[in-house]
Amino acid sequence: MAKVLDTAYQGDEGRAAVWLHLSGAESSLKDNMDKIVDLSHQLRKNIEPTVERENTSRIVLLVTLALVGEVVSGEAIKAALGFEKSPDGSRAQFRRWLAQLLLQLSDSELPKGSGKP
């Protein structure tokens, strides 16, 4: 999932995509996100067969917002937190760390949602 989103939101292309979205440009965002949730849910079910789709949607939301935010203001935020000169501050390292974090979660550890909006 991170690789798909990273390809779509890398460097200046990512900033341009965010700007287009904010300016109201038409896009197939819903269709694309539905496909990403479908694929992500199948991958999660391979690891833990009882996962809930709502949790997969929330995880996709979290990862998407993290990666889009990294594209938009990641350099400034990393600098403010002291990561700008650290090997741990690279974009690839952040994606790996986020993936490892998410792989350690099971649905039983996640808070119960109030339903999909």
PDB file of N, CA and C in Angstrom:
ATOM      1  N   MET A   1       0.828  -1.190   0.000  1.00  0.00           N
ATOM      2  CA  MET A   1       0.000   0.000   0.000  1.00  0.00           C
ATOM      3  C   MET A   1       0.866   1.245   0.000  1.00  0.00           C
ATOM      4  N   ALA A   2       1.894   1.244   0.838  1.00  0.00           N
ATOM      5  CA  ALA A   2       2.773   2.415   0.909  1.00  0.00           C
ATOM      6  C   ALA A   2       3.469   2.650  -0.428  1.00  0.00           C
ATOM      7  N   LYS A   3       3.871   1.562  -1.097  1.00  0.00           N
ATOM      8  CA  LYS A   3       4.539   1.725  -2.388  1.00  0.00           C
ATOM      9  C   LYS A   3       3.596   2.314  -3.435  1.00  0.00           C
ATOM     10  N   VAL A   4       2.347   1.875  -3.436  1.00  0.00           N
ATOM     11  CA  VAL A   4       1.370   2.417  -4.383  1.00  0.00           C
ATOM     12  C   VAL A   4       1.159   3.905  -4.124  1.00  0.00           C
ATOM     13  N   LEU A   5       0.930   4.254  -2.866  1.00  0.00           N
ATOM     14  CA  LEU A   5       0.701   5.657  -2.531  1.00  0.00           C
ATOM     15  C   LEU A   5       1.960   6.487  -2.719  1.00  0.00           C
ATOM     16  N   ASP A   6       3.108   5.925  -2.429  1.00  0.00           N
ATOM     17  CA  ASP A   6       4.353   6.654  -2.596  1.00  0.00           C
ATOM     18  C   ASP A   6       4.589   6.979  -4.057  1.00  0.00           C
ATOM     19  N   THR A   7       4.253   6.048  -4.940  1.00  0.00           N
ATOM     20  CA  THR A   7       4.397   6.297  -6.367  1.00  0.00           C
ATOM     21  C   THR A   7       3.485   7.433  -6.808  1.00  0.00           C
ATOM     22  N   ALA A   8       2.286   7.464  -6.267  1.00  0.00           N
ATOM     23  CA  ALA A   8       1.331   8.508  -6.635  1.00  0.00           C
ATOM     24  C   ALA A   8       1.662   9.848  -6.007  1.00  0.00           C
ATOM     25  N   TYR A   9       2.315   9.845  -4.868  1.00  0.00           N
ATOM     26  CA  TYR A   9       2.555  11.082  -4.126  1.00  0.00           C
ATOM     27  C   TYR A   9       4.032  11.319  -3.848  1.00  0.00           C
ATOM     28  N   GLN A  10       4.874  11.197  -4.868  1.00  0.00           N
ATOM     29  CA  GLN A  10       6.290  11.424  -4.618  1.00  0.00           C
ATOM     30  C   GLN A  10       6.692  12.832  -5.055  1.00  0.00           C
ATOM     31  N   GLY A  11       7.564  13.433  -4.270  1.00  0.00           N
ATOM     32  CA  GLY A  11       8.150  14.725  -4.606  1.00  0.00           C
ATOM     33  C   GLY A  11       7.149  15.763  -5.051  1.00  0.00           C
ATOM     34  N   ASP A  12       7.502  16.478  -6.116  1.00  0.00           N
ATOM     35  CA  ASP A  12       6.644  17.547  -6.618  1.00  0.00           C
ATOM     36  C   ASP A  12       5.327  17.019  -7.183  1.00  0.00           C
ATOM     37  N   GLU A  13       5.331  15.778  -7.678  1.00  0.00           N
ATOM     38  CA  GLU A  13       4.090  15.196  -8.190  1.00  0.00           C
ATOM     39  C   GLU A  13       3.077  15.059  -7.050  1.00  0.00           C
ATOM     40  N   GLY A  14       3.566  14.690  -5.882  1.00  0.00           N
ATOM     41  CA  GLY A  14       2.687  14.569  -4.716  1.00  0.00           C
ATOM     42  C   GLY A  14       2.105  15.906  -4.325  1.00  0.00           C
ATOM     43  N   ARG A  15       2.939  16.935  -4.300  1.00  0.00           N
ATOM     44  CA  ARG A  15       2.450  18.275  -3.965  1.00  0.00           C
ATOM     45  C   ARG A  15       1.429  18.737  -4.994  1.00  0.00           C
ATOM     46  N   ALA A  16       1.696  18.447  -6.269  1.00  0.00           N
ATOM     47  CA  ALA A  16       0.760  18.838  -7.327  1.00  0.00           C
ATOM     48  C   ALA A  16      -0.573  18.108  -7.174  1.00  0.00           C
ATOM     49  N   ALA A  17      -0.518  16.819  -6.835  1.00  0.00           N
ATOM     50  CA  ALA A  17      -1.754  16.049  -6.645  1.00  0.00           C
ATOM     51  C   ALA A  17      -2.575  16.613  -5.489  1.00  0.00           C
ATOM     52  N   VAL A  18      -1.899  16.959  -4.406  1.00  0.00           N
ATOM     53  CA  VAL A  18      -2.593  17.545  -3.257  1.00  0.00           C
ATOM     54  C   VAL A  18      -3.192  18.889  -3.647  1.00  0.00           C
ATOM     55  N   TRP A  19      -2.432  19.711  -4.347  1.00  0.00           N
ATOM     56  CA  TRP A  19      -2.926  21.030  -4.772  1.00  0.00           C
ATOM     57  C   TRP A  19      -4.143  20.869  -5.676  1.00  0.00           C
ATOM     58  N   LEU A  20      -4.083  19.945  -6.633  1.00  0.00           N
ATOM     59  CA  LEU A  20      -5.222  19.715  -7.526  1.00  0.00           C
ATOM     60  C   LEU A  20      -6.446  19.280  -6.735  1.00  0.00           C
ATOM     61  N   HIS A  21      -6.236  18.394  -5.774  1.00  0.00           N
ATOM     62  CA  HIS A  21      -7.354  17.936  -4.954  1.00  0.00           C
ATOM     63  C   HIS A  21      -7.966  19.103  -4.171  1.00  0.00           C
ATOM     64  N   LEU A  22      -7.117  19.919  -3.558  1.00  0.00           N
ATOM     65  CA  LEU A  22      -7.602  21.051  -2.767  1.00  0.00           C
ATOM     66  C   LEU A  22      -8.284  22.109  -3.624  1.00  0.00           C
ATOM     67  N   SER A  23      -7.888  22.193  -4.891  1.00  0.00           N
ATOM     68  CA  SER A  23      -8.491  23.187  -5.773  1.00  0.00           C
ATOM     69  C   SER A  23      -9.819  22.716  -6.357  1.00  0.00           C
ATOM     70  N   GLY A  24     -10.203  21.469  -6.036  1.00  0.00           N
ATOM     71  CA  GLY A  24     -11.499  20.970  -6.490  1.00  0.00           C
ATOM     72  C   GLY A  24     -11.469  20.222  -7.804  1.00  0.00           C
ATOM     73  N   ALA A  25     -10.291  19.904  -8.301  1.00  0.00           N
ATOM     74  CA  ALA A  25     -10.192  19.164  -9.562  1.00  0.00           C
ATOM     75  C   ALA A  25     -10.865  17.800  -9.419  1.00  0.00           C
ATOM     76  N   GLU A  26     -11.522  17.380 -10.466  1.00  0.00           N
ATOM     77  CA  GLU A  26     -12.185  16.081 -10.469  1.00  0.00           C
ATOM     78  C   GLU A  26     -11.134  14.971 -10.420  1.00  0.00           C
ATOM     79  N   SER A  27     -11.424  13.946  -9.668  1.00  0.00           N
ATOM     80  CA  SER A  27     -10.517  12.801  -9.626  1.00  0.00           C
ATOM     81  C   SER A  27     -11.314  11.543  -9.328  1.00  0.00           C
ATOM     82  N   SER A  28     -10.649  10.431  -9.477  1.00  0.00           N
ATOM     83  CA  SER A  28     -11.279   9.139  -9.176  1.00  0.00           C
ATOM     84  C   SER A  28     -10.800   8.674  -7.812  1.00  0.00           C
ATOM     85  N   LEU A  29     -10.723   9.587  -6.850  1.00  0.00           N
ATOM     86  CA  LEU A  29     -10.184   9.276  -5.530  1.00  0.00           C
ATOM     87  C   LEU A  29     -10.942   8.132  -4.863  1.00  0.00           C
ATOM     88  N   LYS A  30     -12.274   8.176  -4.885  1.00  0.00           N
ATOM     89  CA  LYS A  30     -13.057   7.129  -4.226  1.00  0.00           C
ATOM     90  C   LYS A  30     -12.771   5.762  -4.835  1.00  0.00           C
ATOM     91  N   ASP A  31     -12.789   5.685  -6.144  1.00  0.00           N
ATOM     92  CA  ASP A  31     -12.510   4.396  -6.807  1.00  0.00           C
ATOM     93  C   ASP A  31     -11.112   3.896  -6.464  1.00  0.00           C
ATOM     94  N   ASN A  32     -10.139   4.792  -6.499  1.00  0.00           N
ATOM     95  CA  ASN A  32      -8.765   4.392  -6.186  1.00  0.00           C
ATOM     96  C   ASN A  32      -8.642   3.936  -4.734  1.00  0.00           C
ATOM     97  N   MET A  33      -9.251   4.670  -3.823  1.00  0.00           N
ATOM     98  CA  MET A  33      -9.161   4.296  -2.408  1.00  0.00           C
ATOM     99  C   MET A  33      -9.890   2.980  -2.151  1.00  0.00           C
ATOM    100  N   ASP A  34     -11.027   2.766  -2.799  1.00  0.00           N
ATOM    101  CA  ASP A  34     -11.744   1.494  -2.653  1.00  0.00           C
ATOM    102  C   ASP A  34     -10.864   0.319  -3.095  1.00  0.00           C
ATOM    103  N   LYS A  35     -10.130   0.498  -4.186  1.00  0.00           N
ATOM    104  CA  LYS A  35      -9.234  -0.563  -4.672  1.00  0.00           C
ATOM    105  C   LYS A  35      -8.107  -0.815  -3.685  1.00  0.00           C
ATOM    106  N   ILE A  36      -7.566   0.261  -3.124  1.00  0.00           N
ATOM    107  CA  ILE A  36      -6.483   0.113  -2.150  1.00  0.00           C
ATOM    108  C   ILE A  36      -6.992  -0.591  -0.898  1.00  0.00           C
ATOM    109  N   VAL A  37      -8.207  -0.246  -0.444  1.00  0.00           N
ATOM    110  CA  VAL A  37      -8.785  -0.916   0.725  1.00  0.00           C
ATOM    111  C   VAL A  37      -9.023  -2.392   0.414  1.00  0.00           C
ATOM    112  N   ASP A  38      -9.555  -2.691  -0.757  1.00  0.00           N
ATOM    113  CA  ASP A  38      -9.799  -4.089  -1.139  1.00  0.00           C
ATOM    114  C   ASP A  38      -8.502  -4.901  -1.098  1.00  0.00           C
ATOM    115  N   LEU A  39      -7.470  -4.381  -1.730  1.00  0.00           N
ATOM    116  CA  LEU A  39      -6.187  -5.079  -1.771  1.00  0.00           C
ATOM    117  C   LEU A  39      -5.596  -5.203  -0.364  1.00  0.00           C
ATOM    118  N   SER A  40      -5.632  -4.137   0.385  1.00  0.00           N
ATOM    119  CA  SER A  40      -5.088  -4.142   1.747  1.00  0.00           C
ATOM    120  C   SER A  40      -5.840  -5.118   2.640  1.00  0.00           C
ATOM    121  N   HIS A  41      -7.163  -5.169   2.471  1.00  0.00           N
ATOM    122  CA  HIS A  41      -7.964  -6.071   3.303  1.00  0.00           C
ATOM    123  C   HIS A  41      -7.626  -7.533   2.997  1.00  0.00           C
ATOM    124  N   GLN A  42      -7.450  -7.839   1.723  1.00  0.00           N
ATOM    125  CA  GLN A  42      -7.069  -9.209   1.363  1.00  0.00           C
ATOM    126  C   GLN A  42      -5.709  -9.568   1.962  1.00  0.00           C
ATOM    127  N   LEU A  43      -4.765  -8.633   1.918  1.00  0.00           N
ATOM    128  CA  LEU A  43      -3.442  -8.885   2.503  1.00  0.00           C
ATOM    129  C   LEU A  43      -3.544  -9.085   4.013  1.00  0.00           C
ATOM    130  N   ARG A  44      -4.353  -8.262   4.685  1.00  0.00           N
ATOM    131  CA  ARG A  44      -4.525  -8.399   6.133  1.00  0.00           C
ATOM    132  C   ARG A  44      -5.199  -9.726   6.475  1.00  0.00           C
ATOM    133  N   LYS A  45      -6.178 -10.149   5.667  1.00  0.00           N
ATOM    134  CA  LYS A  45      -6.867 -11.417   5.921  1.00  0.00           C
ATOM    135  C   LYS A  45      -5.927 -12.605   5.767  1.00  0.00           C
ATOM    136  N   ASN A  46      -4.923 -12.473   4.915  1.00  0.00           N
ATOM    137  CA  ASN A  46      -3.933 -13.550   4.775  1.00  0.00           C
ATOM    138  C   ASN A  46      -3.125 -13.709   6.051  1.00  0.00           C
ATOM    139  N   ILE A  47      -2.947 -12.625   6.788  1.00  0.00           N
ATOM    140  CA  ILE A  47      -2.180 -12.650   8.032  1.00  0.00           C
ATOM    141  C   ILE A  47      -3.078 -13.015   9.213  1.00  0.00           C
ATOM    142  N   GLU A  48      -4.260 -12.421   9.249  1.00  0.00           N
ATOM    143  CA  GLU A  48      -5.204 -12.628  10.354  1.00  0.00           C
ATOM    144  C   GLU A  48      -6.609 -12.734   9.754  1.00  0.00           C
ATOM    145  N   PRO A  49      -7.133 -13.945   9.582  1.00  0.00           N
ATOM    146  CA  PRO A  49      -8.394 -14.161   8.849  1.00  0.00           C
ATOM    147  C   PRO A  49      -9.622 -13.432   9.406  1.00  0.00           C
ATOM    148  N   THR A  50      -9.593 -13.012  10.665  1.00  0.00           N
ATOM    149  CA  THR A  50     -10.789 -12.411  11.260  1.00  0.00           C
ATOM    150  C   THR A  50     -10.774 -10.876  11.250  1.00  0.00           C
ATOM    151  N   VAL A  51      -9.872 -10.256  10.501  1.00  0.00           N
ATOM    152  CA  VAL A  51      -9.797  -8.788  10.506  1.00  0.00           C
ATOM    153  C   VAL A  51     -11.083  -8.185   9.950  1.00  0.00           C
ATOM    154  N   GLU A  52     -11.391  -7.000  10.465  1.00  0.00           N
ATOM    155  CA  GLU A  52     -12.598  -6.294  10.029  1.00  0.00           C
ATOM    156  C   GLU A  52     -12.254  -5.273   8.950  1.00  0.00           C
ATOM    157  N   ARG A  53     -13.121  -5.182   7.957  1.00  0.00           N
ATOM    158  CA  ARG A  53     -12.901  -4.240   6.851  1.00  0.00           C
ATOM    159  C   ARG A  53     -12.860  -2.796   7.355  1.00  0.00           C
ATOM    160  N   GLU A  54     -13.655  -2.470   8.363  1.00  0.00           N
ATOM    161  CA  GLU A  54     -13.643  -1.117   8.900  1.00  0.00           C
ATOM    162  C   GLU A  54     -12.254  -0.745   9.415  1.00  0.00           C
ATOM    163  N   ASN A  55     -11.593  -1.679  10.091  1.00  0.00           N
ATOM    164  CA  ASN A  55     -10.238  -1.415  10.566  1.00  0.00           C
ATOM    165  C   ASN A  55      -9.265  -1.257   9.402  1.00  0.00           C
ATOM    166  N   THR A  56      -9.448  -2.046   8.357  1.00  0.00           N
ATOM    167  CA  THR A  56      -8.600  -1.892   7.173  1.00  0.00           C
ATOM    168  C   THR A  56      -8.790  -0.507   6.579  1.00  0.00           C
ATOM    169  N   SER A  57     -10.022  -0.044   6.487  1.00  0.00           N
ATOM    170  CA  SER A  57     -10.280   1.303   5.961  1.00  0.00           C
ATOM    171  C   SER A  57      -9.604   2.368   6.816  1.00  0.00           C
ATOM    172  N   ARG A  58      -9.663   2.199   8.122  1.00  0.00           N
ATOM    173  CA  ARG A  58      -9.019   3.172   9.025  1.00  0.00           C
ATOM    174  C   ARG A  58      -7.498   3.142   8.872  1.00  0.00           C
ATOM    175  N   ILE A  59      -6.930   1.962   8.695  1.00  0.00           N
ATOM    176  CA  ILE A  59      -5.484   1.854   8.495  1.00  0.00           C
ATOM    177  C   ILE A  59      -5.084   2.506   7.174  1.00  0.00           C
ATOM    178  N   VAL A  60      -5.864   2.275   6.121  1.00  0.00           N
ATOM    179  CA  VAL A  60      -5.597   2.923   4.835  1.00  0.00           C
ATOM    180  C   VAL A  60      -5.678   4.437   4.994  1.00  0.00           C
ATOM    181  N   LEU A  61      -6.655   4.921   5.742  1.00  0.00           N
ATOM    182  CA  LEU A  61      -6.767   6.358   6.003  1.00  0.00           C
ATOM    183  C   LEU A  61      -5.514   6.872   6.707  1.00  0.00           C
ATOM    184  N   LEU A  62      -5.091   6.182   7.746  1.00  0.00           N
ATOM    185  CA  LEU A  62      -3.903   6.582   8.505  1.00  0.00           C
ATOM    186  C   LEU A  62      -2.665   6.629   7.613  1.00  0.00           C
ATOM    187  N   VAL A  63      -2.439   5.577   6.847  1.00  0.00           N
ATOM    188  CA  VAL A  63      -1.260   5.514   5.985  1.00  0.00           C
ATOM    189  C   VAL A  63      -1.334   6.587   4.901  1.00  0.00           C
ATOM    190  N   THR A  64      -2.495   6.767   4.305  1.00  0.00           N
ATOM    191  CA  THR A  64      -2.644   7.784   3.260  1.00  0.00           C
ATOM    192  C   THR A  64      -2.350   9.173   3.803  1.00  0.00           C
ATOM    193  N   LEU A  65      -2.937   9.502   4.942  1.00  0.00           N
ATOM    194  CA  LEU A  65      -2.701  10.824   5.527  1.00  0.00           C
ATOM    195  C   LEU A  65      -1.241  11.007   5.931  1.00  0.00           C
ATOM    196  N   ALA A  66      -0.621   9.955   6.437  1.00  0.00           N
ATOM    197  CA  ALA A  66       0.789  10.043   6.815  1.00  0.00           C
ATOM    198  C   ALA A  66       1.660  10.291   5.592  1.00  0.00           C
ATOM    199  N   LEU A  67       1.409   9.566   4.506  1.00  0.00           N
ATOM    200  CA  LEU A  67       2.237   9.713   3.317  1.00  0.00           C
ATOM    201  C   LEU A  67       1.981  11.031   2.600  1.00  0.00           C
ATOM    202  N   VAL A  68       0.726  11.463   2.543  1.00  0.00           N
ATOM    203  CA  VAL A  68       0.423  12.756   1.928  1.00  0.00           C
ATOM    204  C   VAL A  68       1.034  13.874   2.774  1.00  0.00           C
ATOM    205  N   GLY A  69       0.894  13.775   4.083  1.00  0.00           N
ATOM    206  CA  GLY A  69       1.490  14.769   4.965  1.00  0.00           C
ATOM    207  C   GLY A  69       2.998  14.812   4.831  1.00  0.00           C
ATOM    208  N   GLU A  70       3.615  13.662   4.654  1.00  0.00           N
ATOM    209  CA  GLU A  70       5.067  13.607   4.478  1.00  0.00           C
ATOM    210  C   GLU A  70       5.478  14.332   3.203  1.00  0.00           C
ATOM    211  N   VAL A  71       4.679  14.180   2.156  1.00  0.00           N
ATOM    212  CA  VAL A  71       4.972  14.858   0.893  1.00  0.00           C
ATOM    213  C   VAL A  71       4.821  16.371   1.043  1.00  0.00           C
ATOM    214  N   VAL A  72       3.771  16.796   1.709  1.00  0.00           N
ATOM    215  CA  VAL A  72       3.462  18.218   1.798  1.00  0.00           C
ATOM    216  C   VAL A  72       4.419  18.950   2.737  1.00  0.00           C
ATOM    217  N   SER A  73       4.632  18.427   3.933  1.00  0.00           N
ATOM    218  CA  SER A  73       5.455  19.163   4.900  1.00  0.00           C
ATOM    219  C   SER A  73       6.412  18.270   5.674  1.00  0.00           C
ATOM    220  N   GLY A  74       6.705  17.116   5.137  1.00  0.00           N
ATOM    221  CA  GLY A  74       7.565  16.165   5.829  1.00  0.00           C
ATOM    222  C   GLY A  74       8.946  16.693   6.150  1.00  0.00           C
ATOM    223  N   GLU A  75       9.571  17.385   5.208  1.00  0.00           N
ATOM    224  CA  GLU A  75      10.926  17.890   5.453  1.00  0.00           C
ATOM    225  C   GLU A  75      10.950  18.844   6.632  1.00  0.00           C
ATOM    226  N   ALA A  76      10.000  19.764   6.695  1.00  0.00           N
ATOM    227  CA  ALA A  76       9.961  20.736   7.797  1.00  0.00           C
ATOM    228  C   ALA A  76       9.661  20.050   9.127  1.00  0.00           C
ATOM    229  N   ILE A  77       8.751  19.103   9.118  1.00  0.00           N
ATOM    230  CA  ILE A  77       8.404  18.396  10.354  1.00  0.00           C
ATOM    231  C   ILE A  77       9.577  17.542  10.830  1.00  0.00           C
ATOM    232  N   LYS A  78      10.226  16.838   9.882  1.00  0.00           N
ATOM    233  CA  LYS A  78      11.396  16.035  10.258  1.00  0.00           C
ATOM    234  C   LYS A  78      12.483  16.923  10.856  1.00  0.00           C
ATOM    235  N   ALA A  79      12.707  18.089  10.276  1.00  0.00           N
ATOM    236  CA  ALA A  79      13.716  19.010  10.805  1.00  0.00           C
ATOM    237  C   ALA A  79      13.333  19.479  12.211  1.00  0.00           C
ATOM    238  N   ALA A  80      12.056  19.793  12.404  1.00  0.00           N
ATOM    239  CA  ALA A  80      11.598  20.263  13.718  1.00  0.00           C
ATOM    240  C   ALA A  80      11.754  19.181  14.789  1.00  0.00           C
ATOM    241  N   LEU A  81      11.669  17.922  14.386  1.00  0.00           N
ATOM    242  CA  LEU A  81      11.801  16.815  15.333  1.00  0.00           C
ATOM    243  C   LEU A  81      13.221  16.259  15.410  1.00  0.00           C
ATOM    244  N   GLY A  82      14.135  16.845  14.639  1.00  0.00           N
ATOM    245  CA  GLY A  82      15.529  16.424  14.694  1.00  0.00           C
ATOM    246  C   GLY A  82      15.883  15.234  13.823  1.00  0.00           C
ATOM    247  N   PHE A  83      15.040  14.874  12.861  1.00  0.00           N
ATOM    248  CA  PHE A  83      15.311  13.728  11.991  1.00  0.00           C
ATOM    249  C   PHE A  83      15.986  14.102  10.677  1.00  0.00           C
ATOM    250  N   GLU A  84      16.155  15.385  10.389  1.00  0.00           N
ATOM    251  CA  GLU A  84      16.608  15.779   9.045  1.00  0.00           C
ATOM    252  C   GLU A  84      17.987  15.242   8.684  1.00  0.00           C
ATOM    253  N   LYS A  85      18.867  15.042   9.641  1.00  0.00           N
ATOM    254  CA  LYS A  85      20.223  14.559   9.342  1.00  0.00           C
ATOM    255  C   LYS A  85      20.426  13.119   9.787  1.00  0.00           C
ATOM    256  N   SER A  86      19.376  12.489  10.232  1.00  0.00           N
ATOM    257  CA  SER A  86      19.456  11.122  10.739  1.00  0.00           C
ATOM    258  C   SER A  86      19.102  10.126   9.637  1.00  0.00           C
ATOM    259  N   PRO A  87      19.770   8.966   9.622  1.00  0.00           N
ATOM    260  CA  PRO A  87      19.360   7.928   8.668  1.00  0.00           C
ATOM    261  C   PRO A  87      17.894   7.530   8.866  1.00  0.00           C
ATOM    262  N   ASP A  88      17.396   7.697  10.092  1.00  0.00           N
ATOM    263  CA  ASP A  88      15.991   7.380  10.364  1.00  0.00           C
ATOM    264  C   ASP A  88      15.039   8.416   9.793  1.00  0.00           C
ATOM    265  N   GLY A  89      15.550   9.490   9.241  1.00  0.00           N
ATOM    266  CA  GLY A  89      14.708  10.560   8.715  1.00  0.00           C
ATOM    267  C   GLY A  89      14.379  10.429   7.249  1.00  0.00           C
ATOM    268  N   SER A  90      14.894   9.390   6.589  1.00  0.00           N
ATOM    269  CA  SER A  90      14.599   9.244   5.165  1.00  0.00           C
ATOM    270  C   SER A  90      13.153   8.806   4.968  1.00  0.00           C
ATOM    271  N   ARG A  91      12.643   9.131   3.821  1.00  0.00           N
ATOM    272  CA  ARG A  91      11.264   8.754   3.489  1.00  0.00           C
ATOM    273  C   ARG A  91      11.098   7.239   3.489  1.00  0.00           C
ATOM    274  N   ALA A  92      12.067   6.538   2.911  1.00  0.00           N
ATOM    275  CA  ALA A  92      11.995   5.072   2.859  1.00  0.00           C
ATOM    276  C   ALA A  92      12.025   4.479   4.264  1.00  0.00           C
ATOM    277  N   GLN A  93      12.861   5.031   5.130  1.00  0.00           N
ATOM    278  CA  GLN A  93      12.931   4.533   6.506  1.00  0.00           C
ATOM    279  C   GLN A  93      11.612   4.764   7.229  1.00  0.00           C
ATOM    280  N   PHE A  94      10.985   5.914   7.020  1.00  0.00           N
ATOM    281  CA  PHE A  94       9.694   6.182   7.649  1.00  0.00           C
ATOM    282  C   PHE A  94       8.649   5.181   7.181  1.00  0.00           C
ATOM    283  N   ARG A  95       8.618   4.898   5.881  1.00  0.00           N
ATOM    284  CA  ARG A  95       7.650   3.918   5.350  1.00  0.00           C
ATOM    285  C   ARG A  95       7.880   2.542   5.956  1.00  0.00           C
ATOM    286  N   ARG A  96       9.154   2.126   6.060  1.00  0.00           N
ATOM    287  CA  ARG A  96       9.449   0.819   6.661  1.00  0.00           C
ATOM    288  C   ARG A  96       9.009   0.782   8.122  1.00  0.00           C
ATOM    289  N   TRP A  97       9.291   1.847   8.864  1.00  0.00           N
ATOM    290  CA  TRP A  97       8.910   1.919  10.275  1.00  0.00           C
ATOM    291  C   TRP A  97       7.390   1.848  10.413  1.00  0.00           C
ATOM    292  N   LEU A  98       6.679   2.594   9.585  1.00  0.00           N
ATOM    293  CA  LEU A  98       5.216   2.590   9.635  1.00  0.00           C
ATOM    294  C   LEU A  98       4.672   1.198   9.293  1.00  0.00           C
ATOM    295  N   ALA A  99       5.225   0.557   8.281  1.00  0.00           N
ATOM    296  CA  ALA A  99       4.782  -0.792   7.902  1.00  0.00           C
ATOM    297  C   ALA A  99       5.018  -1.778   9.040  1.00  0.00           C
ATOM    298  N   GLN A 100       6.192  -1.701   9.678  1.00  0.00           N
ATOM    299  CA  GLN A 100       6.479  -2.608  10.798  1.00  0.00           C
ATOM    300  C   GLN A 100       5.512  -2.372  11.955  1.00  0.00           C
ATOM    301  N   LEU A 101       5.227  -1.127  12.219  1.00  0.00           N
ATOM    302  CA  LEU A 101       4.276  -0.785  13.278  1.00  0.00           C
ATOM    303  C   LEU A 101       2.907  -1.388  12.988  1.00  0.00           C
ATOM    304  N   LEU A 102       2.440  -1.221  11.774  1.00  0.00           N
ATOM    305  CA  LEU A 102       1.109  -1.707  11.403  1.00  0.00           C
ATOM    306  C   LEU A 102       1.046  -3.232  11.382  1.00  0.00           C
ATOM    307  N   LEU A 103       2.132  -3.883  10.975  1.00  0.00           N
ATOM    308  CA  LEU A 103       2.143  -5.342  10.937  1.00  0.00           C
ATOM    309  C   LEU A 103       2.087  -5.951  12.337  1.00  0.00           C
ATOM    310  N   GLN A 104       2.480  -5.194  13.344  1.00  0.00           N
ATOM    311  CA  GLN A 104       2.453  -5.694  14.713  1.00  0.00           C
ATOM    312  C   GLN A 104       1.066  -5.576  15.346  1.00  0.00           C
ATOM    313  N   LEU A 105       0.171  -4.858  14.699  1.00  0.00           N
ATOM    314  CA  LEU A 105      -1.173  -4.673  15.259  1.00  0.00           C
ATOM    315  C   LEU A 105      -2.093  -5.808  14.833  1.00  0.00           C
ATOM    316  N   SER A 106      -2.943  -6.197  15.725  1.00  0.00           N
ATOM    317  CA  SER A 106      -4.015  -7.116  15.341  1.00  0.00           C
ATOM    318  C   SER A 106      -5.330  -6.387  15.604  1.00  0.00           C
ATOM    319  N   ASP A 107      -6.378  -6.845  14.970  1.00  0.00           N
ATOM    320  CA  ASP A 107      -7.677  -6.196  15.156  1.00  0.00           C
ATOM    321  C   ASP A 107      -8.099  -6.188  16.622  1.00  0.00           C
ATOM    322  N   SER A 108      -7.709  -7.214  17.352  1.00  0.00           N
ATOM    323  CA  SER A 108      -8.106  -7.273  18.768  1.00  0.00           C
ATOM    324  C   SER A 108      -7.459  -6.158  19.585  1.00  0.00           C
ATOM    325  N   GLU A 109      -6.366  -5.575  19.096  1.00  0.00           N
ATOM    326  CA  GLU A 109      -5.683  -4.488  19.793  1.00  0.00           C
ATOM    327  C   GLU A 109      -6.199  -3.103  19.392  1.00  0.00           C
ATOM    328  N   LEU A 110      -6.986  -3.052  18.354  1.00  0.00           N
ATOM    329  CA  LEU A 110      -7.476  -1.770  17.855  1.00  0.00           C
ATOM    330  C   LEU A 110      -8.788  -1.389  18.550  1.00  0.00           C
ATOM    331  N   PRO A 111      -8.985  -0.105  18.800  1.00  0.00           N
ATOM    332  CA  PRO A 111     -10.253   0.305  19.418  1.00  0.00           C
ATOM    333  C   PRO A 111     -11.413   0.030  18.477  1.00  0.00           C
ATOM    334  N   LYS A 112     -12.543  -0.230  19.042  1.00  0.00           N
ATOM    335  CA  LYS A 112     -13.752  -0.463  18.249  1.00  0.00           C
ATOM    336  C   LYS A 112     -14.224   0.863  17.686  1.00  0.00           C
ATOM    337  N   GLY A 113     -14.514   0.875  16.399  1.00  0.00           N
ATOM    338  CA  GLY A 113     -15.020   2.083  15.754  1.00  0.00           C
ATOM    339  C   GLY A 113     -16.513   2.214  15.968  1.00  0.00           C
ATOM    340  N   SER A 114     -17.001   3.358  15.620  1.00  0.00           N
ATOM    341  CA  SER A 114     -18.444   3.584  15.755  1.00  0.00           C
ATOM    342  C   SER A 114     -19.134   3.375  14.420  1.00  0.00           C
ATOM    343  N   GLY A 115     -18.473   2.678  13.529  1.00  0.00           N
ATOM    344  CA  GLY A 115     -19.044   2.440  12.212  1.00  0.00           C
ATOM    345  C   GLY A 115     -18.405   3.367  11.210  1.00  0.00           C
ATOM    346  N   LYS A 116     -18.464   2.966   9.964  1.00  0.00           N
ATOM    347  CA  LYS A 116     -17.871   3.762   8.879  1.00  0.00           C
ATOM    348  C   LYS A 116     -18.764   4.954   8.611  1.00  0.00           C
ATOM    349  N   PRO A 117     -18.155   6.155   8.527  1.00  0.00           N
ATOM    350  CA  PRO A 117     -18.968   7.361   8.274  1.00  0.00           C
ATOM    351  C   PRO A 117     -19.721   7.295   6.970  1.00  0.00           C
TER     352      PRO A 117
END
